[in-house]
Amino acid sequence: MTITFITGANKGLGRETARRLVELGHTVLVGARDPERGAEAAAALGARFVLIDVTDDASVAAAAADVAEHEGRIDVLVNNAGVHGPAGDPSTLSGADALGVFAVNLAGVVRTTTAFLPLLRRSTDPVIVNVSSGMGSLAYTHDPSRAESKVVAPLYTASKAALTMLTTQYAKALPEIRINAADPGYTATDLNGHSGPQTVTEGTDAIVGLATEGPRAGSGRFVDRVGEIAWT
């Protein structure tokens, strides 16, 4: 039985990923910082709720300890929790704004990955999926034919660019674990006011694909719902 832990899984892409993986036979652990919403999502999906705030060391450590006690390992870690931050004119951005976005989108991934590595190393086929974005791609955000080029979201885009680079570094340093990044594409979620043209199911195609592919699949890749894409 594949055991999968998903952060930010009480709504949006995280919840839909959890739903689909439960249907595929995974034992899914719904990680969320809101206890009521997390518990509701887990009950509705047939999963188990684990309280986690990826910005808090103690909360992440407690979540890992909870999983160690109950499941003993995980096979797949999906680092999905993310925030958008301010959009538009960056003239009034503050350091606090930047730290708030990076605390979730980058430091949260580092914090959670470090805490869950011992549990992943108990798996025969450990996998990490980092939910990144084409918004962090230099090529996409400079291509006038793509939706990514029309959006100004300085901190979100910078944090996702950093996350894709972080993914390649982890993949190089930890060859025993398959570590890849997923670009969901422009999907209708709370993050963008449900303005995206893709359904939440379409938006989870790349995440689910990376979470379920075989052990011979490569590491250090950036994948969308169509296939592998360039890191630039």
Protein backbone atom coordinates (compact mmCIF):
# COMPACT_ATOMS: atom_id res chain seq x y z
CA MET A 1 0.00 0.00 0.00
CA THR A 2 1.40 3.38 -1.03
CA ILE A 3 1.25 5.96 1.77
CA THR A 4 1.08 9.55 0.57
CA PHE A 5 1.32 12.74 2.63
CA ILE A 6 0.02 15.96 1.03
CA THR A 7 0.44 19.43 2.50
CA GLY A 8 -2.27 22.03 1.96
CA ALA A 9 -4.70 19.24 1.17
CA ASN A 10 -7.94 20.62 2.59
CA LYS A 11 -8.88 22.49 -0.63
CA GLY A 12 -7.96 23.17 -4.24
CA LEU A 13 -5.22 21.18 -5.93
CA GLY A 14 -4.22 19.43 -2.70
CA ARG A 15 -7.70 18.14 -1.97
CA GLU A 16 -8.26 16.99 -5.55
CA THR A 17 -4.88 15.24 -5.54
CA ALA A 18 -5.89 13.49 -2.34
CA ARG A 19 -9.24 12.45 -3.81
CA ARG A 20 -7.68 11.01 -6.93
CA LEU A 21 -4.94 9.15 -5.08
CA VAL A 22 -7.45 7.64 -2.64
CA GLU A 23 -9.37 6.38 -5.68
CA LEU A 24 -6.13 4.86 -6.98
CA GLY A 25 -5.65 2.94 -3.75
CA HIS A 26 -3.21 5.14 -1.87
CA THR A 27 -3.41 5.59 1.87
CA VAL A 28 -3.60 9.38 1.92
CA LEU A 29 -2.71 11.66 4.78
CA VAL A 30 -4.36 15.07 4.42
CA GLY A 31 -2.00 17.69 5.83
CA ALA A 32 -3.56 21.06 6.66
CA ARG A 33 -3.10 23.87 9.18
CA ASP A 34 -6.84 24.41 9.72
CA PRO A 35 -8.05 21.58 11.97
CA GLU A 36 -11.74 21.89 11.07
CA ARG A 37 -11.26 22.10 7.32
CA GLY A 38 -8.55 19.46 7.35
CA ALA A 39 -10.65 17.01 9.34
CA GLU A 40 -13.68 17.66 7.10
CA ALA A 41 -11.67 17.06 3.93
CA ALA A 42 -10.12 13.87 5.27
CA ALA A 43 -13.48 12.47 6.35
CA ALA A 44 -15.06 13.28 2.99
CA LEU A 45 -12.20 11.71 1.06
CA GLY A 46 -11.62 8.60 3.13
CA ALA A 47 -8.21 9.81 4.26
CA ARG A 48 -6.58 10.62 7.61
CA PHE A 49 -6.06 14.21 8.76
CA VAL A 50 -2.69 15.34 10.11
CA LEU A 51 -2.35 18.86 11.47
CA ILE A 52 0.60 20.73 9.92
CA ASP A 53 1.61 24.35 9.48
CA VAL A 54 4.56 24.32 7.10
CA THR A 55 5.79 27.68 8.43
CA ASP A 56 6.24 26.34 11.96
CA ASP A 57 9.11 24.02 12.95
CA ALA A 58 7.28 22.54 15.92
CA SER A 59 4.12 21.87 13.91
CA VAL A 60 6.04 20.12 11.13
CA ALA A 61 8.02 18.04 13.62
CA ALA A 62 4.79 17.05 15.39
CA ALA A 63 3.23 16.04 12.06
CA ALA A 64 6.20 13.84 11.20
CA ALA A 65 6.08 12.27 14.67
CA ASP A 66 2.35 11.60 14.24
CA VAL A 67 2.95 9.80 10.94
CA ALA A 68 5.89 7.87 12.40
CA GLU A 69 3.65 6.65 15.20
CA HIS A 70 0.65 5.70 13.08
CA GLU A 71 1.95 4.70 9.62
CA GLY A 72 5.67 4.26 10.28
CA ARG A 73 6.70 5.53 6.83
CA ILE A 74 5.56 7.43 3.78
CA ASP A 75 6.18 6.57 0.15
CA VAL A 76 5.18 9.87 -1.43
CA LEU A 77 5.48 13.43 -0.12
CA VAL A 78 3.54 16.06 -2.06
CA ASN A 79 4.69 19.55 -1.10
CA ASN A 80 1.56 21.37 -2.24
CA ALA A 81 0.94 24.10 0.35
CA GLY A 82 1.36 27.53 -1.20
CA VAL A 83 0.31 31.16 -1.09
CA HIS A 84 0.08 33.76 -3.85
CA GLY A 85 1.00 37.00 -2.14
CA PRO A 86 0.56 40.52 -3.55
CA ALA A 87 0.06 40.96 -7.28
CA GLY A 88 0.52 43.93 -9.57
CA ASP A 89 2.68 47.01 -9.01
CA PRO A 90 5.63 46.01 -6.77
CA SER A 91 6.30 49.60 -5.64
CA THR A 92 4.91 49.06 -2.17
CA LEU A 93 6.18 45.52 -1.52
CA SER A 94 7.91 45.06 1.80
CA GLY A 95 10.45 42.63 3.11
CA ALA A 96 7.71 41.21 5.30
CA ASP A 97 5.61 40.53 2.18
CA ALA A 98 8.49 38.63 0.62
CA LEU A 99 9.25 36.65 3.74
CA GLY A 100 5.58 35.71 4.10
CA VAL A 101 5.41 34.18 0.62
CA PHE A 102 8.80 32.48 0.74
CA ALA A 103 8.05 31.13 4.23
CA VAL A 104 5.35 28.93 2.73
CA ASN A 105 6.40 28.35 -0.87
CA LEU A 106 10.10 27.66 -0.30
CA ALA A 107 11.06 27.43 3.36
CA GLY A 108 7.93 25.37 4.00
CA VAL A 109 9.08 22.83 1.44
CA VAL A 110 12.55 22.67 2.96
CA ARG A 111 11.16 22.34 6.48
CA THR A 112 8.66 19.62 5.57
CA THR A 113 11.08 17.67 3.40
CA THR A 114 13.73 17.60 6.10
CA ALA A 115 11.26 16.40 8.73
CA PHE A 116 9.80 13.67 6.49
CA LEU A 117 13.03 12.35 4.97
CA PRO A 118 13.47 9.68 7.67
CA LEU A 119 9.96 8.40 6.89
CA LEU A 120 10.61 8.46 3.14
CA ARG A 121 13.82 6.51 3.60
CA ARG A 122 11.79 3.63 5.04
CA SER A 123 10.04 3.27 1.66
CA THR A 124 11.20 0.95 -1.11
CA ASP A 125 10.37 3.62 -3.71
CA PRO A 126 10.41 7.09 -2.10
CA VAL A 127 9.01 10.02 -4.08
CA ILE A 128 8.81 13.77 -3.54
CA VAL A 129 6.56 15.94 -5.71
CA ASN A 130 7.04 19.69 -5.37
CA VAL A 131 4.07 21.64 -6.71
CA SER A 132 5.73 24.48 -8.59
CA SER A 133 4.39 26.60 -11.45
CA GLY A 134 5.11 27.69 -14.98
CA MET A 135 4.85 31.16 -13.44
CA GLY A 136 8.38 30.57 -12.22
CA SER A 137 9.68 29.85 -15.73
CA LEU A 138 11.71 32.58 -17.44
CA ALA A 139 10.71 31.22 -20.84
CA TYR A 140 7.00 31.09 -20.07
CA THR A 141 6.79 34.51 -18.44
CA HIS A 142 8.56 36.08 -21.45
CA ASP A 143 6.47 34.30 -24.09
CA PRO A 144 3.62 36.61 -25.17
CA SER A 145 1.60 33.64 -26.39
CA ARG A 146 1.35 32.20 -22.88
CA ALA A 147 -0.94 33.25 -20.04
CA GLU A 148 2.05 33.33 -17.66
CA SER A 149 3.43 36.38 -19.49
CA LYS A 150 0.30 38.44 -18.75
CA VAL A 151 0.51 38.20 -14.95
CA VAL A 152 2.53 40.37 -12.58
CA ALA A 153 2.96 38.51 -9.29
CA PRO A 154 6.54 39.27 -8.22
CA LEU A 155 6.79 37.21 -5.05
CA TYR A 156 4.81 34.18 -6.21
CA THR A 157 6.79 33.88 -9.45
CA ALA A 158 10.11 34.37 -7.67
CA SER A 159 9.25 31.74 -5.06
CA LYS A 160 8.26 29.20 -7.70
CA ALA A 161 11.45 29.85 -9.70
CA ALA A 162 13.36 29.19 -6.50
CA LEU A 163 11.36 26.02 -5.86
CA THR A 164 12.18 24.54 -9.26
CA MET A 165 15.89 25.16 -8.64
CA LEU A 166 15.57 23.69 -5.16
CA THR A 167 14.05 20.58 -6.73
CA THR A 168 17.03 20.07 -9.05
CA GLN A 169 19.45 20.46 -6.15
CA TYR A 170 17.61 17.93 -3.99
CA ALA A 171 17.45 15.51 -6.92
CA LYS A 172 21.23 15.73 -7.36
CA ALA A 173 21.96 15.38 -3.66
CA LEU A 174 19.46 12.61 -2.89
CA PRO A 175 19.65 10.12 -5.80
CA GLU A 176 17.93 7.43 -3.77
CA ILE A 177 14.71 9.48 -3.82
CA ARG A 178 12.78 10.44 -6.96
CA ILE A 179 12.27 14.20 -6.67
CA ASN A 180 10.40 16.17 -9.33
CA ALA A 181 8.42 19.38 -9.77
CA ALA A 182 4.90 19.67 -11.19
CA ASP A 183 3.41 22.61 -13.05
CA PRO A 184 -0.38 22.34 -12.62
CA GLY A 185 -1.05 24.99 -15.26
CA TYR A 186 -3.57 27.83 -15.00
CA THR A 187 -6.23 26.15 -12.90
CA ALA A 188 -9.36 27.57 -11.29
CA THR A 189 -8.57 27.66 -7.56
CA ASP A 190 -8.85 30.06 -4.61
CA LEU A 191 -5.27 31.12 -5.36
CA ASN A 192 -6.38 32.99 -8.50
CA GLY A 193 -10.00 33.74 -7.68
CA HIS A 194 -11.09 30.71 -9.74
CA SER A 195 -10.07 32.51 -12.93
CA GLY A 196 -8.07 29.68 -14.48
CA PRO A 197 -9.46 27.87 -17.54
CA GLN A 198 -8.45 24.40 -16.32
CA THR A 199 -10.56 22.35 -13.93
CA VAL A 200 -9.00 21.33 -10.65
CA THR A 201 -8.88 17.75 -11.96
CA GLU A 202 -6.91 18.84 -15.02
CA GLY A 203 -4.65 20.85 -12.74
CA THR A 204 -3.73 17.77 -10.74
CA ASP A 205 -2.82 15.59 -13.73
CA ALA A 206 0.91 16.32 -13.45
CA ILE A 207 0.94 15.89 -9.67
CA VAL A 208 -0.90 12.57 -9.77
CA GLY A 209 1.26 11.40 -12.65
CA LEU A 210 4.47 12.04 -10.72
CA ALA A 211 3.04 10.46 -7.58
CA THR A 212 2.11 7.25 -9.36
CA GLU A 213 4.77 6.65 -12.00
CA GLY A 214 7.07 3.64 -11.73
CA PRO A 215 10.47 3.43 -10.04
CA ARG A 216 12.33 3.68 -13.36
CA ALA A 217 11.06 7.23 -13.96
CA GLY A 218 13.67 9.94 -13.69
CA SER A 219 14.42 12.52 -11.03
CA GLY A 220 15.03 16.24 -11.29
CA ARG A 221 12.30 16.83 -13.89
CA PHE A 222 9.73 19.60 -14.38
CA VAL A 223 6.45 18.15 -15.65
CA ASP A 224 3.06 19.53 -16.68
CA ARG A 225 -0.07 17.62 -17.69
CA VAL A 226 1.26 17.16 -21.23
CA GLY A 227 4.78 16.02 -20.39
CA GLU A 228 8.24 17.17 -19.40
CA ILE A 229 9.00 20.86 -19.85
CA ALA A 230 12.15 22.99 -19.76
CA TRP A 231 13.39 24.42 -16.47
CA THR A 232 14.16 27.87 -17.93
